[in-house]
Amino acid sequence: MVIVTVAPVLAEPDMGKYGRSCAMCHVSGAAGAPKTGDARAWEPRLAKGMDALLESVKKGLNAMPPTGLCSDCSDEEYRELISYMASGES
């Protein structure tokens, strides 16, 4: 018997929301933010699980303010943005 696990396919992130919220810190690495596309920097964060990352975004963490400056993002949009930033593709 072969068991196959399939990861959920996420939609493309809303690049407008990325540009006006996440990019401010995640492009440059300001205040210790892991840079978009730096898979190695995201690895320990992803190890915590998406639910933990989502909670960090909503509540804020270190220098990141609550909601990561995207007060109109849904949980799914946050997941898409996190996955985009962590993907190693910038």
Protein backbone atom coordinates (compact mmCIF):
# COMPACT_ATOMS: atom_id res chain seq x y z
CA MET A 1 0.00 0.00 0.00
CA VAL A 2 1.31 3.44 -0.95
CA ILE A 3 0.16 6.51 0.96
CA VAL A 4 0.50 9.81 -0.84
CA THR A 5 0.31 13.11 1.02
CA VAL A 6 -0.56 16.16 -1.02
CA ALA A 7 0.16 19.65 0.27
CA PRO A 8 -2.67 22.13 -0.19
CA VAL A 9 -2.30 24.38 -3.18
CA LEU A 10 -2.47 28.03 -2.21
CA ALA A 11 -3.58 30.77 -4.54
CA GLU A 12 -1.20 33.47 -5.62
CA PRO A 13 -0.82 36.20 -2.99
CA ASP A 14 -2.37 39.61 -3.45
CA MET A 15 0.73 41.52 -4.48
CA GLY A 16 -0.96 44.84 -3.72
CA LYS A 17 -1.38 43.80 -0.11
CA TYR A 18 2.18 42.48 -0.06
CA GLY A 19 3.47 45.79 -1.41
CA ARG A 20 1.66 47.98 1.09
CA SER A 21 2.24 45.82 4.16
CA CYS A 22 4.79 42.98 4.15
CA ALA A 23 7.28 44.46 1.70
CA MET A 24 8.17 47.40 3.93
CA CYS A 25 10.21 45.13 6.20
CA HIS A 26 10.51 41.82 4.38
CA VAL A 27 12.27 43.20 1.29
CA SER A 28 15.10 44.79 3.24
CA GLY A 29 15.08 42.68 6.39
CA ALA A 30 14.31 45.74 8.53
CA ALA A 31 14.16 45.14 12.28
CA GLY A 32 15.22 41.52 11.81
CA ALA A 33 12.36 40.52 9.51
CA PRO A 34 13.21 37.48 7.38
CA LYS A 35 13.66 38.64 3.79
CA THR A 36 11.24 37.59 1.11
CA GLY A 37 12.77 34.74 -0.82
CA ASP A 38 15.32 33.83 1.84
CA ALA A 39 14.20 30.24 2.36
CA ARG A 40 16.93 29.61 4.92
CA ALA A 41 15.79 32.50 7.15
CA TRP A 42 12.19 31.28 6.95
CA GLU A 43 13.01 27.64 7.72
CA PRO A 44 12.95 27.88 11.56
CA ARG A 45 9.80 29.97 11.41
CA LEU A 46 8.02 27.49 9.16
CA ALA A 47 9.06 24.70 11.51
CA LYS A 48 6.69 26.23 14.07
CA GLY A 49 3.78 25.57 11.71
CA MET A 50 1.51 27.84 9.73
CA ASP A 51 -0.96 28.22 12.62
CA ALA A 52 1.80 29.64 14.85
CA LEU A 53 2.95 31.99 12.09
CA LEU A 54 -0.60 33.14 11.51
CA GLU A 55 -1.01 33.85 15.21
CA SER A 56 2.25 35.85 15.23
CA VAL A 57 1.03 37.98 12.34
CA LYS A 58 -2.33 38.65 13.98
CA LYS A 59 -0.89 39.53 17.40
CA GLY A 60 2.42 41.02 16.24
CA LEU A 61 5.86 39.76 17.10
CA ASN A 62 8.97 41.68 18.07
CA ALA A 63 9.01 44.77 15.80
CA MET A 64 6.15 43.51 13.59
CA PRO A 65 2.92 45.26 14.53
CA PRO A 66 -0.35 43.33 14.91
CA THR A 67 -1.76 42.32 11.52
CA GLY A 68 1.61 43.07 9.90
CA LEU A 69 0.04 46.31 8.64
CA CYS A 70 -2.58 44.40 6.63
CA SER A 71 -5.72 44.96 8.64
CA ASP A 72 -7.96 43.79 5.79
CA CYS A 73 -6.16 40.50 5.12
CA SER A 74 -8.07 37.28 5.69
CA ASP A 75 -6.42 34.25 7.30
CA GLU A 76 -6.11 32.68 3.84
CA GLU A 77 -4.45 35.82 2.48
CA TYR A 78 -1.97 35.80 5.38
CA ARG A 79 -1.17 32.15 4.60
CA GLU A 80 -0.64 32.97 0.93
CA LEU A 81 1.62 35.92 1.78
CA ILE A 82 3.66 33.90 4.28
CA SER A 83 4.06 31.07 1.77
CA TYR A 84 5.13 33.54 -0.91
CA MET A 85 7.70 35.22 1.32
CA ALA A 86 9.10 31.89 2.53
CA SER A 87 9.17 30.21 -0.87
CA GLY A 88 12.68 31.13 -1.83
CA GLU A 89 11.30 32.92 -4.89
CA SER A 90 11.34 36.68 -4.79
